[in-house]
Amino acid sequence: MMQRLILTGGLPAVLLCTSAMLPPAHATTPVVAAVSSAPAACKRTIYMTFDTGSQSQAQLIADVLNKRHVKATFFLANEKTTRGDYSLDPSWAPYWKARVAEGHAFGTHTFDHVYWKKDLANGLIQVKPQFGKEGGKLASFTDKQFCEQLRRVDTRFQELTGHKLDPFWRAPGGYTSPRTLAAGSACGYQHAGWAPAGYSGDELSSDKYPNAMLLKKALANLRSGDIFIAHMGIWSRKDAWAPANLDALISGLQEKGFCFATLREHPAYAQKKGQP
């Protein structure tokens, strides 16, 4: 059974989800509803997060965040990039080292970008890795094997940057289950979803969901405590989201009095210190 995680007033509640309730590209996306938390100088906070993807917008994202003095949280998987390499190859070490130096936070997105399919009756987890030796094939994981996918990102990140990940993870596609959530928690990673208003829509068709529409919707609907999600490049979207929207979204929210923090400061994750 798939779940959607919602945090209401800081207390977790699990709701069953149906495909009709969520955006077309993320019909089963887990969400984290608005939870108010802010640094002392800020009364309204947005938690901006980025998942790896094609990495076509990686440098632009870094430049905009620096320009606007925004700290974000990155969820990393070893995904194929438009440069012909993979996002956790040694060739990306300078990029990730620079983001560490800037003070961003980092979580695991499973090493091979592993999609959950279903919890099996024999206690195993059916998954479909997008990359790696088993890319595109169904596989059955034990809880330990699932945990290894989470920790493998941590190991590689330490090799590339000399720093550990923060203790949270995000499921590819947002697909979770009781077993994957328990497996992640058991090996030290808490799942981090996003708010309904925080779905950027950058995976949707740019013909049906043009950037101007997505920007207007985000500026109108985001509330304090919301977790926002975008990607560092999407192969399928014709008009990339980030070049048109990222700077405009951040500046628009700042003009409304919002500031930004990493998930290290989010009340649902801030108590999680260190790494097992």
C-alpha atoms as a PDB file:
ATOM      1  CA  MET A   1       0.000   0.000   0.000  1.00  0.00           C
ATOM      2  CA  MET A   2       1.386   3.351  -1.027  1.00  0.00           C
ATOM      3  CA  GLN A   3       1.324   6.257   1.399  1.00  0.00           C
ATOM      4  CA  ARG A   4       1.345   9.986   1.359  1.00  0.00           C
ATOM      5  CA  LEU A   5       3.075  11.541   4.353  1.00  0.00           C
ATOM      6  CA  ILE A   6       1.550  14.678   5.770  1.00  0.00           C
ATOM      7  CA  LEU A   7       2.861  16.577   8.752  1.00  0.00           C
ATOM      8  CA  THR A   8       0.180  18.585  10.443  1.00  0.00           C
ATOM      9  CA  GLY A   9       1.101  20.771  13.362  1.00  0.00           C
ATOM     10  CA  GLY A  10       4.366  18.889  13.620  1.00  0.00           C
ATOM     11  CA  LEU A  11       2.608  15.501  14.182  1.00  0.00           C
ATOM     12  CA  PRO A  12       2.783  12.843  11.432  1.00  0.00           C
ATOM     13  CA  ALA A  13      -0.379  11.357  10.043  1.00  0.00           C
ATOM     14  CA  VAL A  14      -0.558   8.734   7.289  1.00  0.00           C
ATOM     15  CA  LEU A  15      -3.242   9.036   4.651  1.00  0.00           C
ATOM     16  CA  LEU A  16      -3.994   6.724   1.772  1.00  0.00           C
ATOM     17  CA  CYS A  17      -3.672   8.520  -1.524  1.00  0.00           C
ATOM     18  CA  THR A  18      -5.475   8.238  -4.832  1.00  0.00           C
ATOM     19  CA  SER A  19      -4.164   9.259  -8.206  1.00  0.00           C
ATOM     20  CA  ALA A  20      -6.925  11.791  -8.718  1.00  0.00           C
ATOM     21  CA  MET A  21      -5.715  13.894  -5.810  1.00  0.00           C
ATOM     22  CA  LEU A  22      -2.270  14.823  -7.157  1.00  0.00           C
ATOM     23  CA  PRO A  23      -0.579  16.426 -10.199  1.00  0.00           C
ATOM     24  CA  PRO A  24      -0.377  14.321 -13.401  1.00  0.00           C
ATOM     25  CA  ALA A  25       3.369  13.658 -13.229  1.00  0.00           C
ATOM     26  CA  HIS A  26       3.353  12.752  -9.530  1.00  0.00           C
ATOM     27  CA  ALA A  27       0.080  10.943  -8.986  1.00  0.00           C
ATOM     28  CA  THR A  28       1.334   9.420  -5.751  1.00  0.00           C
ATOM     29  CA  THR A  29       3.627  12.110  -4.443  1.00  0.00           C
ATOM     30  CA  PRO A  30       4.081  12.244  -0.671  1.00  0.00           C
ATOM     31  CA  VAL A  31       3.691  15.716   0.649  1.00  0.00           C
ATOM     32  CA  VAL A  32       4.650  17.609   3.731  1.00  0.00           C
ATOM     33  CA  ALA A  33       2.115  20.276   4.546  1.00  0.00           C
ATOM     34  CA  ALA A  34       2.978  23.735   5.752  1.00  0.00           C
ATOM     35  CA  VAL A  35       4.708  23.781   9.110  1.00  0.00           C
ATOM     36  CA  SER A  36       5.669  27.198  10.362  1.00  0.00           C
ATOM     37  CA  SER A  37       9.327  27.544  11.290  1.00  0.00           C
ATOM     38  CA  ALA A  38      11.754  30.381  10.697  1.00  0.00           C
ATOM     39  CA  PRO A  39      15.056  31.788  11.807  1.00  0.00           C
ATOM     40  CA  ALA A  40      14.850  34.581  14.394  1.00  0.00           C
ATOM     41  CA  ALA A  41      14.999  37.351  11.808  1.00  0.00           C
ATOM     42  CA  CYS A  42      12.362  35.799   9.582  1.00  0.00           C
ATOM     43  CA  LYS A  43       8.663  35.265  10.202  1.00  0.00           C
ATOM     44  CA  ARG A  44       7.872  33.321   7.005  1.00  0.00           C
ATOM     45  CA  THR A  45      10.084  30.593   5.576  1.00  0.00           C
ATOM     46  CA  ILE A  46      10.177  28.462   2.433  1.00  0.00           C
ATOM     47  CA  TYR A  47      12.310  25.325   2.266  1.00  0.00           C
ATOM     48  CA  MET A  48      13.627  25.067  -1.302  1.00  0.00           C
ATOM     49  CA  THR A  49      14.783  21.622  -2.437  1.00  0.00           C
ATOM     50  CA  PHE A  50      16.239  20.213  -5.664  1.00  0.00           C
ATOM     51  CA  ASP A  51      16.417  16.619  -6.883  1.00  0.00           C
ATOM     52  CA  THR A  52      19.127  15.600  -9.327  1.00  0.00           C
ATOM     53  CA  GLY A  53      18.064  14.999 -12.902  1.00  0.00           C
ATOM     54  CA  SER A  54      19.767  15.675 -16.222  1.00  0.00           C
ATOM     55  CA  GLN A  55      21.850  18.340 -14.433  1.00  0.00           C
ATOM     56  CA  SER A  56      21.360  20.662 -17.420  1.00  0.00           C
ATOM     57  CA  GLN A  57      20.396  23.489 -15.028  1.00  0.00           C
ATOM     58  CA  ALA A  58      22.896  22.689 -12.270  1.00  0.00           C
ATOM     59  CA  GLN A  59      25.146  25.718 -12.696  1.00  0.00           C
ATOM     60  CA  LEU A  60      22.260  28.099 -13.305  1.00  0.00           C
ATOM     61  CA  ILE A  61      20.612  26.923 -10.085  1.00  0.00           C
ATOM     62  CA  ALA A  62      23.834  27.443  -8.150  1.00  0.00           C
ATOM     63  CA  ASP A  63      24.290  30.918  -9.633  1.00  0.00           C
ATOM     64  CA  VAL A  64      20.733  32.021  -8.807  1.00  0.00           C
ATOM     65  CA  LEU A  65      20.934  30.696  -5.243  1.00  0.00           C
ATOM     66  CA  ASN A  66      24.181  32.581  -4.728  1.00  0.00           C
ATOM     67  CA  LYS A  67      22.790  35.735  -6.284  1.00  0.00           C
ATOM     68  CA  ARG A  68      19.738  35.671  -3.998  1.00  0.00           C
ATOM     69  CA  HIS A  69      21.642  34.441  -0.901  1.00  0.00           C
ATOM     70  CA  VAL A  70      19.424  31.365  -0.631  1.00  0.00           C
ATOM     71  CA  LYS A  71      20.402  28.085   1.025  1.00  0.00           C
ATOM     72  CA  ALA A  72      18.667  24.998  -0.385  1.00  0.00           C
ATOM     73  CA  THR A  73      18.573  21.243   0.131  1.00  0.00           C
ATOM     74  CA  PHE A  74      19.757  18.898  -2.636  1.00  0.00           C
ATOM     75  CA  PHE A  75      18.668  15.249  -2.944  1.00  0.00           C
ATOM     76  CA  LEU A  76      21.259  13.267  -4.851  1.00  0.00           C
ATOM     77  CA  ALA A  77      21.079  10.173  -7.058  1.00  0.00           C
ATOM     78  CA  ASN A  78      23.651   8.971  -9.582  1.00  0.00           C
ATOM     79  CA  GLU A  79      21.693  10.061 -12.656  1.00  0.00           C
ATOM     80  CA  LYS A  80      22.828  10.344 -16.267  1.00  0.00           C
ATOM     81  CA  THR A  81      23.524  13.955 -17.222  1.00  0.00           C
ATOM     82  CA  THR A  82      23.511  15.997 -20.397  1.00  0.00           C
ATOM     83  CA  ARG A  83      27.336  16.010 -20.210  1.00  0.00           C
ATOM     84  CA  GLY A  84      27.333  12.259 -20.853  1.00  0.00           C
ATOM     85  CA  ASP A  85      28.521  11.366 -17.351  1.00  0.00           C
ATOM     86  CA  TYR A  86      26.653  10.723 -14.089  1.00  0.00           C
ATOM     87  CA  SER A  87      25.822  13.210 -11.352  1.00  0.00           C
ATOM     88  CA  LEU A  88      27.948  11.445  -8.722  1.00  0.00           C
ATOM     89  CA  ASP A  89      30.940  10.774 -10.972  1.00  0.00           C
ATOM     90  CA  PRO A  90      34.284  12.295  -9.911  1.00  0.00           C
ATOM     91  CA  SER A  91      33.765  14.876 -12.658  1.00  0.00           C
ATOM     92  CA  TRP A  92      31.040  16.415 -10.476  1.00  0.00           C
ATOM     93  CA  ALA A  93      33.219  16.659  -7.355  1.00  0.00           C
ATOM     94  CA  PRO A  94      34.078  20.360  -7.881  1.00  0.00           C
ATOM     95  CA  TYR A  95      30.404  21.225  -8.248  1.00  0.00           C
ATOM     96  CA  TRP A  96      29.326  19.414  -5.079  1.00  0.00           C
ATOM     97  CA  LYS A  97      32.319  20.683  -3.091  1.00  0.00           C
ATOM     98  CA  ALA A  98      31.349  24.243  -4.005  1.00  0.00           C
ATOM     99  CA  ARG A  99      27.772  23.691  -2.826  1.00  0.00           C
ATOM    100  CA  VAL A 100      29.022  22.238   0.467  1.00  0.00           C
ATOM    101  CA  ALA A 101      31.228  25.315   0.959  1.00  0.00           C
ATOM    102  CA  GLU A 102      28.205  27.553   0.370  1.00  0.00           C
ATOM    103  CA  GLY A 103      26.286  25.947   3.226  1.00  0.00           C
ATOM    104  CA  HIS A 104      23.583  23.975   1.429  1.00  0.00           C
ATOM    105  CA  ALA A 105      22.123  20.725   2.827  1.00  0.00           C
ATOM    106  CA  PHE A 106      22.186  17.325   1.119  1.00  0.00           C
ATOM    107  CA  GLY A 107      20.063  14.189   1.297  1.00  0.00           C
ATOM    108  CA  THR A 108      19.995  10.845  -0.479  1.00  0.00           C
ATOM    109  CA  HIS A 109      17.685  10.135  -3.417  1.00  0.00           C
ATOM    110  CA  THR A 110      18.808   6.446  -3.737  1.00  0.00           C
ATOM    111  CA  PHE A 111      21.988   5.773  -5.715  1.00  0.00           C
ATOM    112  CA  ASP A 112      20.383   4.237  -8.827  1.00  0.00           C
ATOM    113  CA  HIS A 113      17.231   6.402  -8.656  1.00  0.00           C
ATOM    114  CA  VAL A 114      15.202   3.431  -7.452  1.00  0.00           C
ATOM    115  CA  TYR A 115      11.432   3.607  -7.925  1.00  0.00           C
ATOM    116  CA  TRP A 116       9.270   1.737  -5.415  1.00  0.00           C
ATOM    117  CA  LYS A 117       6.684  -0.531  -7.068  1.00  0.00           C
ATOM    118  CA  LYS A 118       5.082  -2.549  -4.273  1.00  0.00           C
ATOM    119  CA  ASP A 119       5.647  -4.274  -0.957  1.00  0.00           C
ATOM    120  CA  LEU A 120       5.677  -8.027  -1.536  1.00  0.00           C
ATOM    121  CA  ALA A 121       3.996 -10.642   0.649  1.00  0.00           C
ATOM    122  CA  ASN A 122       7.329 -12.367   1.308  1.00  0.00           C
ATOM    123  CA  GLY A 123       8.694  -9.305   3.098  1.00  0.00           C
ATOM    124  CA  LEU A 124      10.665  -8.009   0.120  1.00  0.00           C
ATOM    125  CA  ILE A 125      10.269  -4.673  -1.668  1.00  0.00           C
ATOM    126  CA  GLN A 126       9.692  -4.673  -5.420  1.00  0.00           C
ATOM    127  CA  VAL A 127      11.576  -1.804  -7.050  1.00  0.00           C
ATOM    128  CA  LYS A 128      12.673  -0.600 -10.473  1.00  0.00           C
ATOM    129  CA  PRO A 129      16.071   1.146 -10.592  1.00  0.00           C
ATOM    130  CA  GLN A 130      16.394   3.717 -13.359  1.00  0.00           C
ATOM    131  CA  PHE A 131      20.184   3.431 -13.593  1.00  0.00           C
ATOM    132  CA  GLY A 132      22.947   0.989 -12.705  1.00  0.00           C
ATOM    133  CA  LYS A 133      23.358  -2.656 -13.702  1.00  0.00           C
ATOM    134  CA  GLU A 134      19.670  -3.360 -13.105  1.00  0.00           C
ATOM    135  CA  GLY A 135      18.439  -0.138 -14.706  1.00  0.00           C
ATOM    136  CA  GLY A 136      14.969  -0.511 -16.213  1.00  0.00           C
ATOM    137  CA  LYS A 137      14.385  -3.942 -14.653  1.00  0.00           C
ATOM    138  CA  LEU A 138      12.183  -5.023 -11.774  1.00  0.00           C
ATOM    139  CA  ALA A 139      14.085  -6.243  -8.720  1.00  0.00           C
ATOM    140  CA  SER A 140      13.226  -7.475  -5.234  1.00  0.00           C
ATOM    141  CA  PHE A 141      15.103  -5.804  -2.380  1.00  0.00           C
ATOM    142  CA  THR A 142      15.392  -6.708   1.257  1.00  0.00           C
ATOM    143  CA  ASP A 143      15.201  -3.831   3.728  1.00  0.00           C
ATOM    144  CA  LYS A 144      18.996  -4.064   3.963  1.00  0.00           C
ATOM    145  CA  GLN A 145      19.414  -3.755   0.192  1.00  0.00           C
ATOM    146  CA  PHE A 146      17.117  -0.742   0.146  1.00  0.00           C
ATOM    147  CA  CYS A 147      19.149   0.833   2.918  1.00  0.00           C
ATOM    148  CA  GLU A 148      22.320   0.173   0.924  1.00  0.00           C
ATOM    149  CA  GLN A 149      20.883   2.249  -1.920  1.00  0.00           C
ATOM    150  CA  LEU A 150      20.427   5.152   0.479  1.00  0.00           C
ATOM    151  CA  ARG A 151      23.823   4.803   2.129  1.00  0.00           C
ATOM    152  CA  ARG A 152      25.670   4.346  -1.157  1.00  0.00           C
ATOM    153  CA  VAL A 153      24.933   7.983  -2.000  1.00  0.00           C
ATOM    154  CA  ASP A 154      26.318   8.992   1.389  1.00  0.00           C
ATOM    155  CA  THR A 155      29.514   7.016   0.804  1.00  0.00           C
ATOM    156  CA  ARG A 156      30.042   8.505  -2.642  1.00  0.00           C
ATOM    157  CA  PHE A 157      29.291  12.023  -1.439  1.00  0.00           C
ATOM    158  CA  GLN A 158      31.939  11.670   1.259  1.00  0.00           C
ATOM    159  CA  GLU A 159      34.413  10.443  -1.365  1.00  0.00           C
ATOM    160  CA  LEU A 160      33.660  13.454  -3.570  1.00  0.00           C
ATOM    161  CA  THR A 161      33.452  16.188  -0.940  1.00  0.00           C
ATOM    162  CA  GLY A 162      34.786  14.899   2.365  1.00  0.00           C
ATOM    163  CA  HIS A 163      31.389  15.574   3.968  1.00  0.00           C
ATOM    164  CA  LYS A 164      28.503  13.349   5.046  1.00  0.00           C
ATOM    165  CA  LEU A 165      24.939  13.752   3.888  1.00  0.00           C
ATOM    166  CA  ASP A 166      22.258  15.081   6.188  1.00  0.00           C
ATOM    167  CA  PRO A 167      20.010  12.341   7.643  1.00  0.00           C
ATOM    168  CA  PHE A 168      17.074  12.563   5.253  1.00  0.00           C
ATOM    169  CA  TRP A 169      16.045  10.957   1.973  1.00  0.00           C
ATOM    170  CA  ARG A 170      13.511  11.462  -0.802  1.00  0.00           C
ATOM    171  CA  ALA A 171      11.962   8.682  -2.848  1.00  0.00           C
ATOM    172  CA  PRO A 172      12.236   8.977  -6.652  1.00  0.00           C
ATOM    173  CA  GLY A 173       8.857  10.004  -8.007  1.00  0.00           C
ATOM    174  CA  GLY A 174       7.689  10.420  -4.424  1.00  0.00           C
ATOM    175  CA  TYR A 175       6.636   6.760  -4.306  1.00  0.00           C
ATOM    176  CA  THR A 176       6.807   5.364  -0.767  1.00  0.00           C
ATOM    177  CA  SER A 177       5.300   2.574   1.304  1.00  0.00           C
ATOM    178  CA  PRO A 178       5.294   1.568   4.977  1.00  0.00           C
ATOM    179  CA  ARG A 179       8.215  -0.761   4.277  1.00  0.00           C
ATOM    180  CA  THR A 180      10.415   1.767   2.446  1.00  0.00           C
ATOM    181  CA  LEU A 181       9.750   4.416   5.078  1.00  0.00           C
ATOM    182  CA  ALA A 182      10.626   1.940   7.820  1.00  0.00           C
ATOM    183  CA  ALA A 183      13.754   0.784   5.978  1.00  0.00           C
ATOM    184  CA  GLY A 184      14.931   4.362   5.545  1.00  0.00           C
ATOM    185  CA  SER A 185      14.279   5.187   9.181  1.00  0.00           C
ATOM    186  CA  ALA A 186      16.036   2.038  10.378  1.00  0.00           C
ATOM    187  CA  CYS A 187      19.241   3.031   8.605  1.00  0.00           C
ATOM    188  CA  GLY A 188      19.081   6.630   9.788  1.00  0.00           C
ATOM    189  CA  TYR A 189      17.277   8.606   7.093  1.00  0.00           C
ATOM    190  CA  GLN A 190      13.924  10.352   7.522  1.00  0.00           C
ATOM    191  CA  HIS A 191      11.804  10.784   4.411  1.00  0.00           C
ATOM    192  CA  ALA A 192      11.234  14.350   3.217  1.00  0.00           C
ATOM    193  CA  GLY A 193       8.330  15.037   0.891  1.00  0.00           C
ATOM    194  CA  TRP A 194       6.990  18.416  -0.196  1.00  0.00           C
ATOM    195  CA  ALA A 195       3.929  20.612   0.170  1.00  0.00           C
ATOM    196  CA  PRO A 196       1.097  20.458  -2.393  1.00  0.00           C
ATOM    197  CA  ALA A 197       1.812  24.091  -3.323  1.00  0.00           C
ATOM    198  CA  GLY A 198       5.524  23.269  -3.420  1.00  0.00           C
ATOM    199  CA  TYR A 199       5.303  21.060  -6.496  1.00  0.00           C
ATOM    200  CA  SER A 200       7.075  23.122  -9.182  1.00  0.00           C
ATOM    201  CA  GLY A 201       5.552  21.263 -12.123  1.00  0.00           C
ATOM    202  CA  ASP A 202       8.901  21.199 -13.909  1.00  0.00           C
ATOM    203  CA  GLU A 203       8.285  17.615 -15.085  1.00  0.00           C
ATOM    204  CA  LEU A 204       5.014  18.480 -16.796  1.00  0.00           C
ATOM    205  CA  SER A 205       4.582  19.342 -20.465  1.00  0.00           C
ATOM    206  CA  SER A 206       5.587  22.947 -21.086  1.00  0.00           C
ATOM    207  CA  ASP A 207       2.871  23.173 -23.752  1.00  0.00           C
ATOM    208  CA  LYS A 208       0.100  22.419 -21.261  1.00  0.00           C
ATOM    209  CA  TYR A 209       1.864  23.928 -18.237  1.00  0.00           C
ATOM    210  CA  PRO A 210       3.919  26.905 -19.455  1.00  0.00           C
ATOM    211  CA  ASN A 211       6.449  28.458 -17.127  1.00  0.00           C
ATOM    212  CA  ALA A 212       4.398  31.625 -16.628  1.00  0.00           C
ATOM    213  CA  MET A 213       1.463  29.554 -15.362  1.00  0.00           C
ATOM    214  CA  LEU A 214       3.636  27.568 -12.957  1.00  0.00           C
ATOM    215  CA  LEU A 215       5.290  30.722 -11.611  1.00  0.00           C
ATOM    216  CA  LYS A 216       1.968  32.483 -11.027  1.00  0.00           C
ATOM    217  CA  LYS A 217       0.576  29.444  -9.225  1.00  0.00           C
ATOM    218  CA  ALA A 218       3.607  29.084  -6.955  1.00  0.00           C
ATOM    219  CA  LEU A 219       3.684  32.759  -6.000  1.00  0.00           C
ATOM    220  CA  ALA A 220      -0.025  32.714  -5.209  1.00  0.00           C
ATOM    221  CA  ASN A 221      -0.165  29.464  -3.242  1.00  0.00           C
ATOM    222  CA  LEU A 222       3.080  28.980  -1.316  1.00  0.00           C
ATOM    223  CA  ARG A 223       2.761  29.489   2.427  1.00  0.00           C
ATOM    224  CA  SER A 224       5.186  29.688   5.329  1.00  0.00           C
ATOM    225  CA  GLY A 225       6.709  26.314   6.141  1.00  0.00           C
ATOM    226  CA  ASP A 226       6.137  24.839   2.691  1.00  0.00           C
ATOM    227  CA  ILE A 227       8.760  22.573   1.151  1.00  0.00           C
ATOM    228  CA  PHE A 228       9.283  23.358  -2.533  1.00  0.00           C
ATOM    229  CA  ILE A 229      10.607  20.832  -5.067  1.00  0.00           C
ATOM    230  CA  ALA A 230      12.272  21.331  -8.444  1.00  0.00           C
ATOM    231  CA  HIS A 231      14.840  19.363 -10.418  1.00  0.00           C
ATOM    232  CA  MET A 232      18.310  20.140 -11.685  1.00  0.00           C
ATOM    233  CA  GLY A 233      17.200  19.462 -15.228  1.00  0.00           C
ATOM    234  CA  ILE A 234      14.396  17.445 -16.810  1.00  0.00           C
ATOM    235  CA  TRP A 235      15.039  15.625 -20.086  1.00  0.00           C
ATOM    236  CA  SER A 236      11.453  15.701 -21.327  1.00  0.00           C
ATOM    237  CA  ARG A 237      10.418  19.316 -20.731  1.00  0.00           C
ATOM    238  CA  LYS A 238      10.852  21.451 -23.864  1.00  0.00           C
ATOM    239  CA  ASP A 239      11.013  24.836 -22.082  1.00  0.00           C
ATOM    240  CA  ALA A 240      13.116  24.291 -18.981  1.00  0.00           C
ATOM    241  CA  TRP A 241      11.591  25.541 -15.742  1.00  0.00           C
ATOM    242  CA  ALA A 242      14.623  26.928 -13.917  1.00  0.00           C
ATOM    243  CA  PRO A 243      15.918  29.525 -16.441  1.00  0.00           C
ATOM    244  CA  ALA A 244      12.506  31.158 -16.660  1.00  0.00           C
ATOM    245  CA  ASN A 245      11.217  30.720 -13.119  1.00  0.00           C
ATOM    246  CA  LEU A 246      13.808  30.194 -10.398  1.00  0.00           C
ATOM    247  CA  ASP A 247      15.103  33.737 -10.023  1.00  0.00           C
ATOM    248  CA  ALA A 248      11.629  35.203 -10.492  1.00  0.00           C
ATOM    249  CA  LEU A 249      10.146  32.856  -7.893  1.00  0.00           C
ATOM    250  CA  ILE A 250      12.800  33.572  -5.272  1.00  0.00           C
ATOM    251  CA  SER A 251      12.728  37.330  -5.796  1.00  0.00           C
ATOM    252  CA  GLY A 252       8.928  37.334  -5.802  1.00  0.00           C
ATOM    253  CA  LEU A 253       8.777  35.436  -2.521  1.00  0.00           C
ATOM    254  CA  GLN A 254      11.437  37.652  -0.976  1.00  0.00           C
ATOM    255  CA  GLU A 255       9.401  40.699  -1.934  1.00  0.00           C
ATOM    256  CA  LYS A 256       6.482  39.132  -0.038  1.00  0.00           C
ATOM    257  CA  GLY A 257       8.646  38.829   3.066  1.00  0.00           C
ATOM    258  CA  PHE A 258       9.652  35.190   2.792  1.00  0.00           C
ATOM    259  CA  CYS A 259      13.130  33.939   3.532  1.00  0.00           C
ATOM    260  CA  PHE A 260      14.654  30.525   2.869  1.00  0.00           C
ATOM    261  CA  ALA A 261      16.191  27.762   4.960  1.00  0.00           C
ATOM    262  CA  THR A 262      17.465  24.225   4.456  1.00  0.00           C
ATOM    263  CA  LEU A 263      15.692  21.182   5.838  1.00  0.00           C
ATOM    264  CA  ARG A 264      18.239  21.206   8.658  1.00  0.00           C
ATOM    265  CA  GLU A 265      16.095  24.009  10.107  1.00  0.00           C
ATOM    266  CA  HIS A 266      12.698  22.414   9.349  1.00  0.00           C
ATOM    267  CA  PRO A 267      10.953  21.375  12.590  1.00  0.00           C
ATOM    268  CA  ALA A 268      10.307  17.865  11.265  1.00  0.00           C
ATOM    269  CA  TYR A 269      13.987  17.224  10.534  1.00  0.00           C
ATOM    270  CA  ALA A 270      16.001  19.609  12.709  1.00  0.00           C
ATOM    271  CA  GLN A 271      16.038  17.194  15.625  1.00  0.00           C
ATOM    272  CA  LYS A 272      17.820  14.618  13.505  1.00  0.00           C
ATOM    273  CA  LYS A 273      21.485  15.244  14.245  1.00  0.00           C
ATOM    274  CA  GLY A 274      24.431  13.253  12.985  1.00  0.00           C
ATOM    275  CA  GLN A 275      24.538  10.143  10.829  1.00  0.00           C
ATOM    276  CA  PRO A 276      24.501   6.480  11.860  1.00  0.00           C
END
